N, C-alpha and C. Protein backbone atom coordinates (compact mmCIF):
# COMPACT_ATOMS: atom_id res chain seq x y z
N ALA A 1 24.31 -84.40 109.79
CA ALA A 1 23.36 -83.95 110.69
C ALA A 1 22.30 -83.29 109.96
N TYR A 2 22.69 -82.56 109.07
CA TYR A 2 21.65 -81.71 108.19
C TYR A 2 20.69 -82.76 107.46
N ASP A 3 21.33 -83.76 106.87
CA ASP A 3 20.59 -84.82 106.09
C ASP A 3 19.69 -85.44 106.96
N MET A 4 20.05 -85.79 108.23
CA MET A 4 19.10 -86.45 109.08
C MET A 4 17.89 -85.52 109.55
N ALA A 5 18.34 -84.20 109.76
CA ALA A 5 17.19 -83.29 109.99
C ALA A 5 16.20 -83.21 108.89
N MET A 6 16.75 -83.08 107.68
CA MET A 6 15.78 -83.06 106.40
C MET A 6 15.02 -84.35 106.29
N MET A 7 15.52 -85.46 106.54
CA MET A 7 14.83 -86.80 106.35
C MET A 7 13.70 -86.84 107.51
N ALA A 8 14.12 -86.35 108.66
CA ALA A 8 13.13 -86.40 109.83
C ALA A 8 11.96 -85.46 109.40
N LYS A 9 12.23 -84.28 108.90
CA LYS A 9 11.26 -83.26 108.48
C LYS A 9 10.16 -83.95 107.49
N GLU A 10 10.74 -84.65 106.63
CA GLU A 10 9.86 -85.31 105.63
C GLU A 10 9.06 -86.48 106.38
N LEU A 11 9.68 -87.26 107.17
CA LEU A 11 9.11 -88.32 107.77
C LEU A 11 7.94 -87.99 108.73
N ILE A 12 8.09 -86.94 109.48
CA ILE A 12 6.98 -86.52 110.32
C ILE A 12 5.79 -86.11 109.57
N ARG A 13 5.80 -85.90 108.44
CA ARG A 13 4.59 -85.53 107.59
C ARG A 13 3.66 -86.54 107.64
N HIS A 14 4.13 -87.88 107.94
CA HIS A 14 3.42 -89.05 108.13
C HIS A 14 3.14 -89.23 109.59
N GLU A 15 1.99 -88.65 110.07
CA GLU A 15 1.83 -88.49 111.50
C GLU A 15 1.84 -89.89 112.17
N LYS A 16 1.38 -90.93 111.44
CA LYS A 16 1.37 -92.33 112.00
C LYS A 16 2.71 -92.68 112.68
N ILE A 17 3.81 -92.31 112.15
CA ILE A 17 5.16 -92.65 112.68
C ILE A 17 5.29 -92.19 114.06
N LEU A 18 4.69 -91.08 114.40
CA LEU A 18 5.01 -90.51 115.72
C LEU A 18 4.16 -91.33 116.77
N GLU A 19 3.04 -92.02 116.30
CA GLU A 19 2.29 -92.82 117.32
C GLU A 19 3.17 -94.17 117.85
N PHE A 20 4.15 -94.49 116.99
CA PHE A 20 5.02 -95.50 117.34
C PHE A 20 6.27 -95.00 118.04
N SER A 21 6.86 -93.97 117.44
CA SER A 21 8.22 -93.51 118.04
C SER A 21 8.01 -92.82 119.32
N SER A 22 6.75 -92.38 119.72
CA SER A 22 6.50 -91.97 121.14
C SER A 22 6.17 -92.97 122.16
N ILE A 23 6.13 -94.15 121.85
CA ILE A 23 5.91 -95.29 122.79
C ILE A 23 7.22 -95.57 123.52
N TYR A 24 7.36 -95.46 124.75
CA TYR A 24 8.54 -95.76 125.49
C TYR A 24 9.01 -97.04 125.68
N GLU A 25 7.92 -98.02 126.05
CA GLU A 25 8.09 -99.43 126.28
C GLU A 25 6.73 -100.19 126.05
N ASP A 26 6.90 -101.42 125.48
CA ASP A 26 5.81 -102.07 125.28
C ASP A 26 6.21 -103.53 124.88
N TYR A 27 5.23 -104.52 124.71
CA TYR A 27 5.64 -105.81 124.02
C TYR A 27 5.45 -105.87 122.67
N LEU A 28 6.41 -106.46 121.96
CA LEU A 28 6.30 -106.84 120.62
C LEU A 28 5.68 -108.21 120.55
N ARG A 29 5.02 -108.51 119.47
CA ARG A 29 4.32 -109.82 119.37
C ARG A 29 3.53 -110.13 120.64
N LYS A 30 2.88 -109.30 121.00
CA LYS A 30 2.06 -109.51 122.20
C LYS A 30 1.03 -110.66 122.05
N ASN A 31 0.79 -111.45 123.15
CA ASN A 31 -0.13 -112.56 123.22
C ASN A 31 0.32 -113.76 122.33
N THR A 32 1.73 -113.83 122.20
CA THR A 32 2.23 -115.06 121.35
C THR A 32 3.16 -115.55 122.24
N ASP A 33 3.72 -116.86 121.76
CA ASP A 33 4.78 -117.46 122.58
C ASP A 33 6.16 -116.82 122.33
N ASN A 34 6.15 -115.81 121.39
CA ASN A 34 7.54 -115.12 121.09
C ASN A 34 7.44 -113.67 121.44
N SER A 35 6.53 -113.42 122.37
CA SER A 35 6.45 -112.00 122.80
C SER A 35 7.74 -111.54 123.62
N PHE A 36 8.15 -110.23 123.43
CA PHE A 36 9.16 -109.85 124.36
C PHE A 36 9.11 -108.29 124.61
N TRP A 37 9.77 -107.99 125.70
CA TRP A 37 9.69 -106.46 126.17
C TRP A 37 10.59 -105.66 125.37
N LEU A 38 10.10 -104.45 124.85
CA LEU A 38 11.08 -103.52 124.21
C LEU A 38 11.03 -102.24 124.77
N VAL A 39 12.22 -101.59 124.99
CA VAL A 39 12.33 -100.35 125.60
C VAL A 39 12.89 -99.37 124.47
N ASN A 40 12.31 -98.19 124.42
CA ASN A 40 12.70 -97.27 123.43
C ASN A 40 14.15 -96.76 123.74
N THR A 41 15.09 -96.57 122.79
CA THR A 41 16.35 -96.08 123.20
C THR A 41 16.46 -94.72 123.29
N ASN A 42 15.35 -93.98 122.86
CA ASN A 42 15.18 -92.58 122.94
C ASN A 42 14.55 -92.23 124.39
N LYS A 43 15.48 -91.98 125.26
CA LYS A 43 14.98 -91.77 126.70
C LYS A 43 14.11 -90.39 126.80
N LEU A 44 14.36 -89.53 125.78
CA LEU A 44 13.66 -88.23 125.97
C LEU A 44 12.22 -88.42 125.83
N VAL A 45 11.77 -89.47 125.23
CA VAL A 45 10.35 -89.72 125.02
C VAL A 45 9.68 -89.87 126.36
N ARG A 46 10.30 -90.33 127.36
CA ARG A 46 9.79 -90.58 128.66
C ARG A 46 10.13 -89.43 129.54
N PHE A 47 11.28 -88.87 129.43
CA PHE A 47 11.66 -87.83 130.56
C PHE A 47 11.48 -86.48 130.16
N LYS A 48 11.16 -86.11 128.88
CA LYS A 48 11.16 -84.73 128.39
C LYS A 48 9.67 -84.54 127.72
N ALA A 49 8.74 -83.73 128.34
CA ALA A 49 7.50 -83.53 127.83
C ALA A 49 7.55 -82.96 126.46
N GLY A 50 6.66 -83.60 125.61
CA GLY A 50 6.60 -83.00 124.21
C GLY A 50 7.29 -83.70 123.17
N VAL A 51 8.37 -84.48 123.78
CA VAL A 51 9.22 -85.28 122.73
C VAL A 51 8.44 -86.55 122.38
N ASP A 52 8.41 -86.71 120.99
CA ASP A 52 7.69 -87.97 120.58
C ASP A 52 8.33 -88.63 119.46
N GLY A 53 9.58 -88.42 119.32
CA GLY A 53 10.56 -89.21 118.31
C GLY A 53 11.88 -88.66 118.34
N LEU A 54 12.89 -89.08 117.54
CA LEU A 54 12.47 -89.92 116.50
C LEU A 54 13.56 -91.07 116.11
N LYS A 55 14.65 -90.82 116.21
CA LYS A 55 15.68 -91.93 115.86
C LYS A 55 17.03 -91.77 116.60
N THR A 56 17.41 -92.87 117.25
CA THR A 56 18.75 -92.83 117.91
C THR A 56 19.62 -93.84 117.04
N GLY A 57 20.94 -93.73 117.36
CA GLY A 57 21.82 -94.59 116.61
C GLY A 57 23.25 -94.59 117.20
N TYR A 58 24.01 -95.63 116.91
CA TYR A 58 25.53 -95.76 117.37
C TYR A 58 26.25 -96.62 116.45
N THR A 59 27.44 -96.07 116.09
CA THR A 59 28.38 -96.86 115.35
C THR A 59 29.69 -96.28 115.96
N ALA A 60 30.69 -97.24 115.77
CA ALA A 60 31.99 -96.64 116.14
C ALA A 60 32.55 -95.47 115.49
N GLY A 61 32.29 -95.40 114.18
CA GLY A 61 32.58 -94.21 113.41
C GLY A 61 31.74 -92.95 113.74
N ALA A 62 30.42 -93.13 113.88
CA ALA A 62 29.55 -92.00 114.09
C ALA A 62 29.40 -91.63 115.43
N GLY A 63 29.82 -92.44 116.44
CA GLY A 63 29.36 -92.20 117.91
C GLY A 63 27.95 -92.37 118.28
N TYR A 64 27.74 -91.66 119.23
CA TYR A 64 26.26 -91.82 119.78
C TYR A 64 25.41 -90.62 119.00
N CYS A 65 24.36 -91.00 118.36
CA CYS A 65 23.57 -89.90 117.53
C CYS A 65 22.10 -89.87 118.00
N LEU A 66 21.61 -88.85 117.69
CA LEU A 66 20.08 -88.66 118.00
C LEU A 66 19.39 -87.67 117.23
N THR A 67 18.31 -88.01 116.47
CA THR A 67 17.40 -86.95 115.97
C THR A 67 16.20 -86.99 116.58
N ALA A 68 15.82 -85.86 117.22
CA ALA A 68 14.67 -85.98 118.02
C ALA A 68 13.67 -84.85 117.55
N THR A 69 12.42 -84.98 118.01
CA THR A 69 11.42 -83.95 117.63
C THR A 69 10.56 -83.71 118.81
N MET A 70 10.16 -82.41 119.01
CA MET A 70 9.48 -82.05 120.10
C MET A 70 8.33 -81.15 119.73
N LYS A 71 7.09 -81.21 120.18
CA LYS A 71 6.05 -80.30 119.93
C LYS A 71 5.53 -79.50 121.15
N LYS A 72 5.30 -78.27 121.18
CA LYS A 72 4.85 -77.46 122.17
C LYS A 72 4.05 -76.33 121.64
N ASP A 73 2.69 -76.41 122.03
CA ASP A 73 1.68 -75.60 121.58
C ASP A 73 1.57 -75.95 119.99
N ASP A 74 1.73 -75.05 119.14
CA ASP A 74 1.52 -75.30 117.75
C ASP A 74 2.93 -75.44 117.03
N MET A 75 4.01 -75.33 117.74
CA MET A 75 5.42 -75.28 117.13
C MET A 75 6.12 -76.66 117.33
N ARG A 76 6.65 -77.18 116.22
CA ARG A 76 7.43 -78.50 116.31
C ARG A 76 8.81 -78.15 115.95
N VAL A 77 9.80 -78.79 116.71
CA VAL A 77 11.27 -78.45 116.39
C VAL A 77 11.97 -79.85 116.23
N ILE A 78 13.00 -79.82 115.37
CA ILE A 78 13.67 -81.04 115.17
C ILE A 78 15.19 -80.69 115.58
N ALA A 79 15.85 -81.64 116.48
CA ALA A 79 17.23 -81.32 116.81
C ALA A 79 18.06 -82.61 116.48
N THR A 80 19.25 -82.54 116.06
CA THR A 80 20.07 -83.50 115.62
C THR A 80 21.49 -83.32 116.16
N VAL A 81 22.05 -84.46 116.85
CA VAL A 81 23.43 -84.41 117.23
C VAL A 81 24.09 -85.77 116.62
N MET A 82 25.41 -85.61 116.36
CA MET A 82 26.14 -86.91 115.97
C MET A 82 27.45 -86.82 116.59
N GLY A 83 27.99 -88.10 116.77
CA GLY A 83 29.53 -88.07 117.27
C GLY A 83 29.62 -87.86 118.82
N GLU A 84 28.60 -88.04 119.56
CA GLU A 84 28.74 -87.92 120.95
C GLU A 84 29.38 -88.97 121.58
N PRO A 85 30.06 -88.82 122.64
CA PRO A 85 30.86 -89.94 123.43
C PRO A 85 29.99 -90.80 124.15
N SER A 86 28.73 -90.53 124.61
CA SER A 86 27.84 -91.30 125.33
C SER A 86 26.34 -91.06 125.05
N SER A 87 25.57 -91.92 125.31
CA SER A 87 24.09 -91.71 125.23
C SER A 87 23.52 -90.58 126.20
N THR A 88 24.24 -90.45 127.42
CA THR A 88 23.84 -89.50 128.38
C THR A 88 24.03 -88.02 127.73
N ILE A 89 25.26 -87.79 127.25
CA ILE A 89 25.68 -86.55 126.79
C ILE A 89 24.82 -86.32 125.50
N ARG A 90 24.59 -87.41 124.71
CA ARG A 90 23.70 -87.20 123.60
C ARG A 90 22.34 -86.65 123.92
N ASN A 91 21.85 -87.25 124.89
CA ASN A 91 20.46 -86.93 125.30
C ASN A 91 20.40 -85.48 125.90
N GLY A 92 21.49 -85.14 126.59
CA GLY A 92 21.60 -83.91 127.32
C GLY A 92 21.74 -82.72 126.19
N GLU A 93 22.57 -83.07 125.24
CA GLU A 93 22.75 -82.00 124.20
C GLU A 93 21.50 -81.72 123.34
N VAL A 94 20.81 -82.72 123.01
CA VAL A 94 19.62 -82.57 122.39
C VAL A 94 18.54 -81.80 123.14
N SER A 95 18.38 -82.15 124.34
CA SER A 95 17.44 -81.63 125.36
C SER A 95 17.75 -80.09 125.47
N SER A 96 18.97 -79.57 125.58
CA SER A 96 19.49 -78.32 125.56
C SER A 96 19.01 -77.51 124.22
N MET A 97 19.19 -78.13 123.17
CA MET A 97 18.86 -77.45 121.84
C MET A 97 17.44 -77.34 121.74
N LEU A 98 16.62 -78.43 122.05
CA LEU A 98 15.22 -78.00 122.12
C LEU A 98 14.78 -76.93 122.98
N ASP A 99 15.27 -76.78 124.22
CA ASP A 99 14.89 -75.77 125.24
C ASP A 99 15.25 -74.37 124.52
N TYR A 100 16.50 -74.34 123.89
CA TYR A 100 16.96 -73.05 123.37
C TYR A 100 15.92 -72.57 122.15
N ALA A 101 15.61 -73.58 121.35
CA ALA A 101 14.76 -73.13 120.19
C ALA A 101 13.46 -72.53 120.75
N PHE A 102 12.72 -73.37 121.71
CA PHE A 102 11.51 -72.98 122.26
C PHE A 102 11.60 -71.50 122.90
N ALA A 103 12.86 -71.29 123.57
CA ALA A 103 13.11 -70.14 124.32
C ALA A 103 13.16 -68.92 123.45
N GLN A 104 13.83 -69.17 122.27
CA GLN A 104 14.41 -68.06 121.42
C GLN A 104 13.33 -67.65 120.23
N VAL A 105 12.70 -68.70 119.73
CA VAL A 105 11.71 -68.48 118.63
C VAL A 105 10.34 -68.84 118.93
N GLY A 106 9.51 -68.00 118.36
CA GLY A 106 7.90 -68.29 118.44
C GLY A 106 7.35 -68.57 117.13
N LEU A 107 6.24 -68.91 117.15
CA LEU A 107 5.39 -69.41 115.89
C LEU A 107 4.04 -68.71 115.84
N LYS A 108 3.84 -67.94 114.77
CA LYS A 108 2.66 -67.30 114.54
C LYS A 108 1.88 -67.89 113.38
N LYS A 109 0.66 -68.51 113.73
CA LYS A 109 -0.08 -69.10 112.69
C LYS A 109 -1.00 -68.05 112.05
N LEU A 110 -0.83 -67.96 110.63
CA LEU A 110 -1.62 -66.90 109.90
C LEU A 110 -2.73 -67.51 109.32
N LEU A 111 -2.71 -68.69 108.71
CA LEU A 111 -3.75 -69.23 108.10
C LEU A 111 -3.63 -70.84 108.29
N SER A 112 -4.79 -71.58 108.25
CA SER A 112 -4.75 -72.98 108.32
C SER A 112 -5.02 -73.55 106.86
N LYS A 113 -4.62 -74.77 106.46
CA LYS A 113 -4.78 -75.40 105.19
C LYS A 113 -6.23 -75.41 104.82
N ASP A 114 -7.14 -75.07 105.71
CA ASP A 114 -8.78 -75.00 105.31
C ASP A 114 -9.16 -73.62 105.21
N SER A 115 -8.22 -72.61 105.47
CA SER A 115 -8.68 -71.25 105.28
C SER A 115 -9.06 -70.93 103.90
N VAL A 116 -10.19 -70.43 103.59
CA VAL A 116 -10.48 -70.03 102.11
C VAL A 116 -9.88 -68.57 101.91
N VAL A 117 -8.94 -68.35 101.09
CA VAL A 117 -8.34 -67.08 100.85
C VAL A 117 -8.89 -66.29 99.67
N GLU A 118 -9.81 -67.27 98.80
CA GLU A 118 -10.43 -66.50 97.65
C GLU A 118 -11.42 -67.55 97.19
N THR A 119 -12.50 -66.93 96.64
CA THR A 119 -13.56 -67.79 95.94
C THR A 119 -13.61 -67.30 94.44
N ILE A 120 -13.47 -68.10 93.45
CA ILE A 120 -13.59 -67.54 92.12
C ILE A 120 -14.62 -68.28 91.46
N ASP A 121 -15.04 -67.79 90.28
CA ASP A 121 -16.13 -68.26 89.40
C ASP A 121 -15.51 -68.90 88.16
N LEU A 122 -15.49 -70.11 87.99
CA LEU A 122 -15.05 -70.77 86.71
C LEU A 122 -16.28 -71.12 85.92
N PRO A 123 -16.57 -70.50 84.91
CA PRO A 123 -17.85 -70.69 84.24
C PRO A 123 -18.18 -72.16 83.81
N LYS A 124 -17.07 -72.83 83.54
CA LYS A 124 -17.44 -74.32 83.00
C LYS A 124 -17.25 -75.42 84.13
N SER A 125 -17.13 -74.77 85.30
CA SER A 125 -17.08 -75.86 86.51
C SER A 125 -18.48 -76.20 87.05
N LYS A 126 -18.52 -77.43 87.63
CA LYS A 126 -19.84 -77.89 88.20
C LYS A 126 -20.28 -77.16 89.40
N VAL A 127 -19.53 -76.49 90.22
CA VAL A 127 -19.78 -75.67 91.17
C VAL A 127 -19.86 -74.33 90.87
N ASP A 128 -20.73 -73.53 91.65
CA ASP A 128 -20.90 -72.00 91.35
C ASP A 128 -19.67 -71.26 91.82
N GLU A 129 -19.07 -71.62 92.94
CA GLU A 129 -17.85 -70.95 93.37
C GLU A 129 -16.76 -71.99 93.66
N VAL A 130 -15.53 -71.68 93.28
CA VAL A 130 -14.41 -72.63 93.47
C VAL A 130 -13.67 -71.97 94.74
N LYS A 131 -13.49 -72.68 95.83
CA LYS A 131 -12.80 -72.16 96.89
C LYS A 131 -11.11 -72.39 96.78
N ILE A 132 -10.40 -71.49 97.10
CA ILE A 132 -8.96 -71.42 97.01
C ILE A 132 -8.42 -71.46 98.42
N VAL A 133 -7.65 -72.58 98.64
CA VAL A 133 -6.96 -72.72 99.95
C VAL A 133 -5.41 -72.96 100.02
N PRO A 134 -4.80 -72.66 101.12
CA PRO A 134 -3.36 -73.02 101.11
C PRO A 134 -3.08 -74.43 101.05
N LYS A 135 -2.09 -75.12 100.52
CA LYS A 135 -1.76 -76.51 100.47
C LYS A 135 -1.37 -76.85 101.94
N LYS A 136 -0.88 -76.03 102.67
CA LYS A 136 -0.56 -76.43 104.12
C LYS A 136 -0.75 -75.18 104.97
N ASP A 137 -0.75 -75.43 106.35
CA ASP A 137 -0.96 -74.27 107.28
C ASP A 137 0.22 -73.21 107.00
N VAL A 138 -0.08 -72.06 107.08
CA VAL A 138 0.79 -70.88 106.81
C VAL A 138 1.10 -70.28 108.25
N SER A 139 2.31 -70.53 108.63
CA SER A 139 2.79 -70.13 109.98
C SER A 139 4.22 -69.42 109.73
N ILE A 140 4.52 -68.45 110.69
CA ILE A 140 5.70 -67.53 110.52
C ILE A 140 6.50 -67.68 111.87
N LEU A 141 7.84 -67.98 111.62
CA LEU A 141 8.61 -68.00 112.90
C LEU A 141 9.18 -66.68 112.99
N TYR A 142 9.32 -66.32 114.35
CA TYR A 142 10.03 -64.89 114.60
C TYR A 142 10.79 -65.04 115.93
N LYS A 143 11.77 -64.31 116.09
CA LYS A 143 12.56 -64.26 117.18
C LYS A 143 11.71 -63.47 118.35
N LYS A 144 11.69 -64.19 119.53
CA LYS A 144 10.96 -63.73 120.66
C LYS A 144 11.58 -62.31 121.04
N ILE A 145 12.75 -62.26 120.91
CA ILE A 145 13.44 -60.89 121.44
C ILE A 145 12.92 -59.74 120.63
N ASP A 146 12.56 -60.03 119.37
CA ASP A 146 11.92 -58.87 118.49
C ASP A 146 10.48 -58.65 118.70
N GLY A 147 9.81 -59.64 119.38
CA GLY A 147 8.33 -59.46 119.60
C GLY A 147 7.64 -60.14 118.46
N GLU A 148 6.29 -60.16 118.51
CA GLU A 148 5.56 -60.87 117.43
C GLU A 148 5.39 -59.90 116.10
N ILE A 149 5.51 -60.47 114.96
CA ILE A 149 5.41 -59.69 113.77
C ILE A 149 3.90 -59.61 113.32
N THR A 150 3.59 -58.77 112.34
CA THR A 150 2.21 -58.62 112.00
C THR A 150 2.33 -58.76 110.39
N PRO A 151 2.33 -60.02 109.90
CA PRO A 151 2.56 -60.27 108.53
C PRO A 151 1.20 -60.01 107.72
N THR A 152 1.20 -59.80 106.47
CA THR A 152 0.10 -59.80 105.65
C THR A 152 0.33 -60.79 104.39
N TYR A 153 -0.58 -61.02 103.53
CA TYR A 153 -0.33 -61.79 102.44
C TYR A 153 -1.08 -61.27 101.19
N GLU A 154 -0.50 -61.71 100.07
CA GLU A 154 -1.16 -61.55 98.72
C GLU A 154 -1.16 -62.83 98.06
N ILE A 155 -2.07 -62.89 97.17
CA ILE A 155 -2.29 -64.21 96.35
C ILE A 155 -2.24 -63.90 94.95
N LYS A 156 -1.96 -64.87 94.19
CA LYS A 156 -1.88 -65.00 92.62
C LYS A 156 -2.39 -66.22 92.34
N ILE A 157 -3.51 -66.07 91.49
CA ILE A 157 -4.21 -67.31 91.11
C ILE A 157 -3.74 -67.47 89.49
N ASN A 158 -3.51 -68.70 89.32
CA ASN A 158 -3.04 -69.13 87.89
C ASN A 158 -4.47 -69.33 87.02
N ASP A 159 -4.20 -69.47 85.72
CA ASP A 159 -5.27 -69.82 84.85
C ASP A 159 -5.54 -71.22 85.19
N ILE A 160 -6.73 -71.52 85.78
CA ILE A 160 -7.09 -72.83 86.19
C ILE A 160 -7.63 -73.69 85.08
N LYS A 161 -7.17 -74.87 84.87
CA LYS A 161 -7.62 -75.78 83.74
C LYS A 161 -8.58 -76.86 84.50
N LEU A 162 -9.66 -77.17 83.93
CA LEU A 162 -10.60 -78.09 84.53
C LEU A 162 -10.56 -79.47 83.82
N PRO A 163 -10.67 -80.59 84.44
CA PRO A 163 -10.99 -80.63 85.89
C PRO A 163 -9.67 -80.41 86.58
N THR A 164 -9.83 -80.03 87.94
CA THR A 164 -8.67 -79.99 88.81
C THR A 164 -8.98 -80.59 90.15
N LYS A 165 -8.08 -81.10 90.82
CA LYS A 165 -8.19 -81.90 91.95
C LYS A 165 -7.49 -81.20 93.26
N LYS A 166 -8.11 -81.39 94.41
CA LYS A 166 -7.32 -80.85 95.61
C LYS A 166 -6.04 -81.49 95.74
N GLY A 167 -5.16 -80.46 95.98
CA GLY A 167 -3.71 -80.95 95.84
C GLY A 167 -3.00 -80.26 94.72
N ASP A 168 -3.77 -80.03 93.57
CA ASP A 168 -3.02 -79.37 92.39
C ASP A 168 -2.70 -77.97 92.70
N ILE A 169 -1.63 -77.53 92.28
CA ILE A 169 -1.26 -76.21 92.44
C ILE A 169 -2.02 -75.24 91.56
N VAL A 170 -2.68 -74.20 92.06
CA VAL A 170 -3.41 -73.37 91.33
C VAL A 170 -3.12 -71.92 91.50
N GLY A 171 -1.97 -71.57 92.30
CA GLY A 171 -1.52 -70.35 92.61
C GLY A 171 -0.57 -70.24 93.63
N LYS A 172 -0.30 -69.12 94.06
CA LYS A 172 0.74 -68.81 95.15
C LYS A 172 0.25 -67.84 96.22
N LEU A 173 0.59 -68.04 97.40
CA LEU A 173 0.29 -67.09 98.47
C LEU A 173 1.76 -66.61 98.96
N TYR A 174 1.80 -65.25 98.98
CA TYR A 174 2.99 -64.60 99.27
C TYR A 174 2.93 -63.85 100.64
N VAL A 175 3.53 -64.39 101.77
CA VAL A 175 3.45 -63.77 102.97
C VAL A 175 4.48 -62.69 103.20
N LYS A 176 4.07 -61.49 103.56
CA LYS A 176 4.86 -60.27 103.68
C LYS A 176 5.08 -59.78 105.06
N ASN A 177 6.08 -59.28 105.40
CA ASN A 177 6.39 -58.46 106.60
C ASN A 177 6.99 -57.24 106.28
N LYS A 178 6.34 -56.13 106.50
CA LYS A 178 6.86 -54.79 106.03
C LYS A 178 7.23 -54.75 104.62
N ASN A 179 6.32 -55.26 103.96
CA ASN A 179 6.43 -55.23 102.37
C ASN A 179 7.49 -56.22 101.80
N LYS A 180 8.03 -56.86 102.62
CA LYS A 180 9.11 -57.85 102.13
C LYS A 180 8.51 -59.24 102.28
N ILE A 181 8.75 -59.91 101.15
CA ILE A 181 8.19 -61.46 100.93
C ILE A 181 9.10 -62.33 101.89
N ILE A 182 8.47 -62.92 102.90
CA ILE A 182 9.29 -63.76 103.74
C ILE A 182 8.91 -65.23 103.54
N ASN A 183 7.83 -65.51 102.81
CA ASN A 183 7.40 -67.04 102.55
C ASN A 183 6.63 -67.03 101.38
N GLU A 184 6.59 -68.27 100.71
CA GLU A 184 5.75 -68.53 99.63
C GLU A 184 5.06 -69.84 99.86
N ILE A 185 3.81 -69.88 99.65
CA ILE A 185 2.96 -71.21 99.91
C ILE A 185 2.06 -71.41 98.69
N ASP A 186 2.13 -72.70 98.21
CA ASP A 186 1.32 -73.08 97.08
C ASP A 186 -0.26 -73.08 97.38
N LEU A 187 -1.04 -72.66 96.41
CA LEU A 187 -2.39 -72.64 96.80
C LEU A 187 -3.17 -73.78 95.95
N THR A 188 -4.24 -74.34 96.49
CA THR A 188 -4.97 -75.47 95.70
C THR A 188 -6.34 -75.18 95.91
N VAL A 189 -7.15 -76.16 95.42
CA VAL A 189 -8.61 -75.93 95.59
C VAL A 189 -9.02 -76.74 96.85
N TYR A 190 -10.21 -76.17 97.48
CA TYR A 190 -10.69 -76.87 98.57
C TYR A 190 -11.07 -78.23 98.36
N GLU A 191 -11.79 -78.53 97.19
CA GLU A 191 -12.24 -79.77 96.85
C GLU A 191 -12.14 -79.91 95.33
N ASP A 192 -12.23 -81.23 94.86
CA ASP A 192 -12.08 -81.55 93.47
C ASP A 192 -13.16 -80.68 92.63
N VAL A 193 -12.71 -80.21 91.53
CA VAL A 193 -13.74 -79.41 90.76
C VAL A 193 -13.63 -80.15 89.39
N ASP A 194 -14.85 -80.56 89.01
CA ASP A 194 -15.07 -81.16 87.65
C ASP A 194 -15.59 -80.23 86.60
N LYS A 195 -15.52 -80.49 85.47
CA LYS A 195 -15.90 -79.79 84.29
C LYS A 195 -17.39 -80.12 83.89
N CYS A 196 -18.17 -79.16 83.69
CA CYS A 196 -19.51 -79.39 83.16
C CYS A 196 -19.47 -80.11 81.70
N ASN A 197 -20.45 -80.96 81.57
CA ASN A 197 -20.67 -81.39 80.13
C ASN A 197 -21.59 -80.52 79.54
N ILE A 198 -21.75 -80.56 78.26
CA ILE A 198 -22.54 -79.66 77.43
C ILE A 198 -23.88 -79.35 77.94
N PHE A 199 -24.63 -80.43 78.53
CA PHE A 199 -26.00 -80.05 79.09
C PHE A 199 -25.95 -79.36 80.43
N GLU A 200 -25.00 -79.72 81.24
CA GLU A 200 -24.81 -79.02 82.59
C GLU A 200 -24.48 -77.47 82.29
N LEU A 201 -23.63 -77.31 81.22
CA LEU A 201 -23.31 -76.08 80.94
C LEU A 201 -24.27 -75.17 80.53
N TYR A 202 -25.24 -75.77 79.69
CA TYR A 202 -26.47 -75.05 79.09
C TYR A 202 -27.40 -74.57 80.23
N PHE A 203 -27.58 -75.60 81.23
CA PHE A 203 -28.53 -75.19 82.34
C PHE A 203 -27.93 -74.31 83.35
N LYS A 204 -26.53 -74.40 83.46
CA LYS A 204 -25.96 -73.40 84.51
C LYS A 204 -25.92 -72.08 83.80
N HIS A 205 -25.83 -71.98 82.47
CA HIS A 205 -25.92 -70.66 81.88
C HIS A 205 -27.42 -70.00 81.99
N LEU A 206 -28.39 -71.05 81.74
CA LEU A 206 -29.68 -70.62 81.61
C LEU A 206 -30.14 -70.11 83.15
N LYS A 207 -29.67 -70.81 84.12
CA LYS A 207 -29.85 -70.42 85.53
C LYS A 207 -29.36 -69.09 85.87
N ASN A 208 -28.21 -68.68 85.39
CA ASN A 208 -27.53 -67.58 85.57
C ASN A 208 -28.21 -66.24 84.90
N ILE A 209 -28.82 -66.64 83.83
CA ILE A 209 -29.52 -65.56 82.94
C ILE A 209 -30.88 -65.40 83.99
N ILE A 210 -31.57 -66.37 84.32
CA ILE A 210 -32.74 -66.17 85.11
C ILE A 210 -32.56 -65.51 86.47
N SER A 211 -31.38 -65.90 87.03
CA SER A 211 -31.14 -65.14 88.48
C SER A 211 -30.55 -63.79 88.26
N GLY A 212 -30.36 -63.41 87.06
CA GLY A 212 -29.75 -62.10 86.79
C GLY A 212 -28.26 -61.94 86.96
N ASN A 213 -27.48 -63.17 87.05
CA ASN A 213 -26.00 -63.03 87.19
C ASN A 213 -25.37 -62.80 85.84
N ILE A 214 -26.14 -62.93 84.74
CA ILE A 214 -25.73 -62.47 83.56
C ILE A 214 -26.45 -61.42 83.02
N LYS A 215 -25.85 -60.22 82.64
CA LYS A 215 -26.68 -59.12 82.10
C LYS A 215 -26.45 -58.87 80.69
N PHE A 216 -27.33 -58.40 79.97
CA PHE A 216 -27.20 -57.98 78.62
C PHE A 216 -27.31 -56.57 78.35
N ASN A 217 -26.31 -56.02 77.72
CA ASN A 217 -26.38 -54.44 77.42
C ASN A 217 -27.16 -54.19 76.20
């Protein structure tokens, strides 16, 4: 069950899959002589709002299995059951697990993956300022019974080598609650950053002198 949950977590990073797994019924090979009607074996897709996947299964050894995912507001939950005696019980168990998760746990979004947490000057880069952003949205889970938390964050930027591309890890963001680190997120650049050639570097340096950004003692 744990393995199925981990595979589902990775799979839903490819959002296209949810466009298909959320369809309850449709024709396959539509508009051909071999078209046929197909119904999703995951009944929760139709009967439980927010469920948009993901995988059912059955074997004599494993019983009735279901790994489902549901999104409500900005929070997505994955629930997995295996070894159930029937599809009805399988669906009921997963539905209860999803309801429990949303009733007990909340999600607080701290930053989006486009949030600029720092701008730095790299003298040899083609841009004047390099924007630093998280590699993914920064969200914090909290137990609703404890109320919302008020997290803070600190960042640590590595020694960045040029050129660097969006997606390359250039530092870490540490999320804290009451001075305790509760999450770590990789940082990257907002966009690809190229290195100046010798002529671009000369004119950039000259521009900084003229604008007063470089001062001589």
